[in-house]
Each structure stands twice: as C-alpha cells, then as structure tokens.
Amino acid sequence: MGDLSPQEIEGRVRKIWADVLNAGEGEEDATFFELQGQSISAARIVARVEDEFGVVLDIGVLFNDCDAGTLAREVAATAQRS
C-alpha cells in the first residue's frame, strides 16, 4: 500500500464507504451513524479495508461516528504503523 497517495487511499476508502453504507449524492461527508451504520456494516467496512489495503483496523473507529475522510486517515496511519 506504500505506493498509494493519500488521495488514492481516500478515494478507495470513500468507495467502500459509499458501497457498504449506501451513501448517496450529497452524503459524502455524512458520519457512520448519520448513514444508519450498524455493527454488520462496520464489520463489512473493516473486512473490505483489510482486503483492499491489507491493514487490520480497530472496528471501534467506526463507532466513534467517524466520516469517510477520517476513516481514510486511519487506514493510512494504520498502514504506516504496520
């Protein structure tokens, strides 16, 4: 994942976010709970991030009611620590 720019990471995370949470137009910056996120959707997001980026996220980050941008930064930070 080291060859991806922060913008590429964010774009890919936003795609996962939109797919799992059915985020529509105008909801790009909505938080996890604003998009009716639940534990099953959190598990799906974490699994897709792991598949896509090879990093294991703490599922709790989603329950802090983050948005897609915050999640992308967490993905990048977790990858750097790995």
N, C-alpha and C. Protein backbone atom coordinates (compact mmCIF):
# COMPACT_ATOMS: atom_id res chain seq x y z
N MET A 1 0.82 -1.19 0.00
CA MET A 1 0.00 0.00 0.00
C MET A 1 0.86 1.25 0.00
N GLY A 2 2.15 1.13 0.23
CA GLY A 2 3.04 2.26 0.33
C GLY A 2 3.12 3.12 -0.91
N ASP A 3 2.72 2.58 -2.05
CA ASP A 3 2.81 3.36 -3.28
C ASP A 3 1.56 4.17 -3.57
N LEU A 4 0.57 4.11 -2.70
CA LEU A 4 -0.66 4.87 -2.90
C LEU A 4 -0.55 6.24 -2.25
N SER A 5 -1.02 7.25 -2.96
CA SER A 5 -1.04 8.60 -2.40
C SER A 5 -2.20 8.71 -1.41
N PRO A 6 -2.14 9.70 -0.53
CA PRO A 6 -3.27 9.91 0.39
C PRO A 6 -4.59 10.11 -0.35
N GLN A 7 -4.53 10.76 -1.50
CA GLN A 7 -5.75 10.98 -2.29
C GLN A 7 -6.30 9.67 -2.84
N GLU A 8 -5.41 8.78 -3.26
CA GLU A 8 -5.85 7.47 -3.76
C GLU A 8 -6.46 6.63 -2.64
N ILE A 9 -5.83 6.67 -1.49
CA ILE A 9 -6.38 5.95 -0.33
C ILE A 9 -7.76 6.48 0.00
N GLU A 10 -7.88 7.79 0.07
CA GLU A 10 -9.18 8.38 0.42
C GLU A 10 -10.23 8.03 -0.62
N GLY A 11 -9.89 8.08 -1.87
CA GLY A 11 -10.86 7.74 -2.92
C GLY A 11 -11.35 6.31 -2.80
N ARG A 12 -10.43 5.40 -2.53
CA ARG A 12 -10.80 3.99 -2.42
C ARG A 12 -11.61 3.73 -1.15
N VAL A 13 -11.24 4.40 -0.06
CA VAL A 13 -12.00 4.25 1.19
C VAL A 13 -13.40 4.83 1.00
N ARG A 14 -13.50 5.97 0.34
CA ARG A 14 -14.83 6.57 0.09
C ARG A 14 -15.71 5.64 -0.74
N LYS A 15 -15.12 4.93 -1.67
CA LYS A 15 -15.88 3.97 -2.50
C LYS A 15 -16.42 2.84 -1.62
N ILE A 16 -15.57 2.29 -0.76
CA ILE A 16 -16.02 1.24 0.16
C ILE A 16 -17.14 1.77 1.04
N TRP A 17 -16.92 2.96 1.59
CA TRP A 17 -17.89 3.62 2.48
C TRP A 17 -19.25 3.76 1.79
N ALA A 18 -19.23 4.28 0.58
CA ALA A 18 -20.47 4.50 -0.16
C ALA A 18 -21.15 3.18 -0.50
N ASP A 19 -20.37 2.19 -0.89
CA ASP A 19 -20.95 0.89 -1.24
C ASP A 19 -21.63 0.23 -0.05
N VAL A 20 -20.94 0.19 1.07
CA VAL A 20 -21.47 -0.51 2.24
C VAL A 20 -22.62 0.25 2.89
N LEU A 21 -22.49 1.57 2.99
CA LEU A 21 -23.48 2.38 3.70
C LEU A 21 -24.53 2.99 2.78
N ASN A 22 -24.45 2.66 1.49
CA ASN A 22 -25.41 3.19 0.51
C ASN A 22 -25.47 4.71 0.56
N ALA A 23 -24.32 5.34 0.70
CA ALA A 23 -24.25 6.80 0.74
C ALA A 23 -24.54 7.35 -0.65
N GLY A 24 -25.49 8.21 -0.72
CA GLY A 24 -25.87 8.79 -1.99
C GLY A 24 -25.28 10.17 -2.20
N GLU A 25 -25.68 10.76 -3.28
CA GLU A 25 -25.24 12.11 -3.60
C GLU A 25 -25.62 13.07 -2.47
N GLY A 26 -24.67 13.91 -2.08
CA GLY A 26 -24.90 14.86 -1.00
C GLY A 26 -24.62 14.30 0.38
N GLU A 27 -24.28 13.00 0.44
CA GLU A 27 -23.99 12.38 1.73
C GLU A 27 -22.51 12.01 1.88
N GLU A 28 -21.67 12.59 1.06
CA GLU A 28 -20.25 12.25 1.03
C GLU A 28 -19.56 12.47 2.36
N ASP A 29 -20.01 13.46 3.12
CA ASP A 29 -19.36 13.79 4.39
C ASP A 29 -20.19 13.38 5.60
N ALA A 30 -21.23 12.57 5.37
CA ALA A 30 -22.06 12.11 6.49
C ALA A 30 -21.27 11.12 7.35
N THR A 31 -21.59 11.10 8.61
CA THR A 31 -20.90 10.20 9.54
C THR A 31 -21.53 8.81 9.49
N PHE A 32 -20.83 7.88 10.13
CA PHE A 32 -21.26 6.48 10.17
C PHE A 32 -22.70 6.36 10.67
N PHE A 33 -23.02 7.01 11.77
CA PHE A 33 -24.36 6.90 12.32
C PHE A 33 -25.39 7.71 11.54
N GLU A 34 -24.99 8.80 10.94
CA GLU A 34 -25.91 9.56 10.09
C GLU A 34 -26.36 8.71 8.90
N LEU A 35 -25.49 7.78 8.48
CA LEU A 35 -25.83 6.89 7.37
C LEU A 35 -26.43 5.58 7.87
N GLN A 36 -26.88 5.57 9.11
CA GLN A 36 -27.53 4.41 9.73
C GLN A 36 -26.60 3.21 9.85
N GLY A 37 -25.30 3.48 10.06
CA GLY A 37 -24.33 2.41 10.23
C GLY A 37 -24.63 1.57 11.46
N GLN A 38 -24.46 0.27 11.32
CA GLN A 38 -24.68 -0.68 12.41
C GLN A 38 -23.48 -1.61 12.48
N SER A 39 -23.50 -2.50 13.43
CA SER A 39 -22.35 -3.39 13.62
C SER A 39 -22.05 -4.23 12.39
N ILE A 40 -23.05 -4.70 11.68
CA ILE A 40 -22.81 -5.51 10.49
C ILE A 40 -22.15 -4.68 9.38
N SER A 41 -22.58 -3.44 9.23
CA SER A 41 -21.95 -2.59 8.22
C SER A 41 -20.52 -2.23 8.64
N ALA A 42 -20.28 -2.06 9.94
CA ALA A 42 -18.93 -1.79 10.42
C ALA A 42 -18.02 -2.98 10.10
N ALA A 43 -18.52 -4.18 10.35
CA ALA A 43 -17.74 -5.39 10.05
C ALA A 43 -17.45 -5.50 8.56
N ARG A 44 -18.41 -5.15 7.74
CA ARG A 44 -18.20 -5.20 6.28
C ARG A 44 -17.15 -4.18 5.83
N ILE A 45 -17.22 -2.98 6.38
CA ILE A 45 -16.23 -1.96 6.02
C ILE A 45 -14.84 -2.41 6.42
N VAL A 46 -14.69 -2.89 7.65
CA VAL A 46 -13.38 -3.33 8.14
C VAL A 46 -12.85 -4.48 7.28
N ALA A 47 -13.71 -5.42 6.92
CA ALA A 47 -13.28 -6.55 6.08
C ALA A 47 -12.86 -6.08 4.70
N ARG A 48 -13.60 -5.16 4.11
CA ARG A 48 -13.23 -4.66 2.79
C ARG A 48 -11.95 -3.85 2.81
N VAL A 49 -11.74 -3.07 3.87
CA VAL A 49 -10.49 -2.32 4.02
C VAL A 49 -9.33 -3.30 4.13
N GLU A 50 -9.51 -4.36 4.91
CA GLU A 50 -8.45 -5.35 5.04
C GLU A 50 -8.15 -6.02 3.70
N ASP A 51 -9.19 -6.38 2.96
CA ASP A 51 -8.99 -6.99 1.63
C ASP A 51 -8.30 -6.04 0.67
N GLU A 52 -8.73 -4.80 0.66
CA GLU A 52 -8.24 -3.81 -0.30
C GLU A 52 -6.83 -3.30 0.01
N PHE A 53 -6.58 -3.06 1.31
CA PHE A 53 -5.32 -2.42 1.70
C PHE A 53 -4.38 -3.31 2.49
N GLY A 54 -4.87 -4.43 2.97
CA GLY A 54 -4.03 -5.32 3.75
C GLY A 54 -3.74 -4.82 5.16
N VAL A 55 -4.59 -3.96 5.67
CA VAL A 55 -4.42 -3.46 7.04
C VAL A 55 -5.62 -3.88 7.89
N VAL A 56 -5.36 -4.14 9.16
CA VAL A 56 -6.41 -4.53 10.08
C VAL A 56 -6.76 -3.32 10.93
N LEU A 57 -8.00 -2.87 10.80
CA LEU A 57 -8.47 -1.71 11.56
C LEU A 57 -9.18 -2.15 12.83
N ASP A 58 -9.13 -1.30 13.83
CA ASP A 58 -9.94 -1.49 15.02
C ASP A 58 -11.36 -1.05 14.65
N ILE A 59 -12.30 -1.96 14.74
CA ILE A 59 -13.68 -1.65 14.35
C ILE A 59 -14.25 -0.49 15.17
N GLY A 60 -13.68 -0.26 16.36
CA GLY A 60 -14.15 0.82 17.22
C GLY A 60 -14.05 2.19 16.60
N VAL A 61 -13.14 2.36 15.63
CA VAL A 61 -13.01 3.67 14.98
C VAL A 61 -14.33 4.09 14.33
N LEU A 62 -15.08 3.13 13.82
CA LEU A 62 -16.35 3.46 13.19
C LEU A 62 -17.40 3.85 14.22
N PHE A 63 -17.32 3.26 15.40
CA PHE A 63 -18.30 3.57 16.44
C PHE A 63 -18.00 4.88 17.15
N ASN A 64 -16.91 5.54 16.77
CA ASN A 64 -16.65 6.91 17.22
C ASN A 64 -17.34 7.90 16.30
N ASP A 65 -18.22 7.38 15.43
CA ASP A 65 -19.03 8.17 14.49
C ASP A 65 -18.18 8.98 13.53
N CYS A 66 -17.18 8.32 12.96
CA CYS A 66 -16.31 8.99 12.00
C CYS A 66 -17.00 9.17 10.66
N ASP A 67 -16.36 9.93 9.79
CA ASP A 67 -16.81 10.05 8.41
C ASP A 67 -15.78 9.36 7.52
N ALA A 68 -16.02 9.36 6.21
CA ALA A 68 -15.14 8.65 5.28
C ALA A 68 -13.72 9.23 5.28
N GLY A 69 -13.59 10.53 5.37
CA GLY A 69 -12.27 11.15 5.40
C GLY A 69 -11.47 10.75 6.62
N THR A 70 -12.12 10.71 7.76
CA THR A 70 -11.47 10.28 8.99
C THR A 70 -11.05 8.83 8.89
N LEU A 71 -11.91 8.00 8.33
CA LEU A 71 -11.58 6.59 8.16
C LEU A 71 -10.38 6.43 7.23
N ALA A 72 -10.33 7.20 6.16
CA ALA A 72 -9.20 7.12 5.22
C ALA A 72 -7.89 7.49 5.92
N ARG A 73 -7.92 8.50 6.76
CA ARG A 73 -6.72 8.88 7.50
C ARG A 73 -6.30 7.77 8.47
N GLU A 74 -7.27 7.11 9.07
CA GLU A 74 -6.98 6.00 9.98
C GLU A 74 -6.38 4.82 9.20
N VAL A 75 -6.88 4.55 8.02
CA VAL A 75 -6.33 3.49 7.18
C VAL A 75 -4.86 3.79 6.86
N ALA A 76 -4.58 5.02 6.44
CA ALA A 76 -3.22 5.42 6.10
C ALA A 76 -2.30 5.33 7.31
N ALA A 77 -2.76 5.80 8.46
CA ALA A 77 -1.95 5.76 9.68
C ALA A 77 -1.68 4.33 10.12
N THR A 78 -2.69 3.48 10.03
CA THR A 78 -2.54 2.07 10.40
C THR A 78 -1.54 1.39 9.48
N ALA A 79 -1.59 1.69 8.20
CA ALA A 79 -0.65 1.11 7.24
C ALA A 79 0.77 1.53 7.54
N GLN A 80 0.97 2.76 7.95
CA GLN A 80 2.31 3.25 8.28
C GLN A 80 2.88 2.55 9.50
N ARG A 81 2.01 2.24 10.46
CA ARG A 81 2.44 1.57 11.69
C ARG A 81 2.77 0.10 11.45
N SER A 82 2.23 -0.47 10.38
CA SER A 82 2.41 -1.91 10.11
C SER A 82 3.78 -2.20 9.53
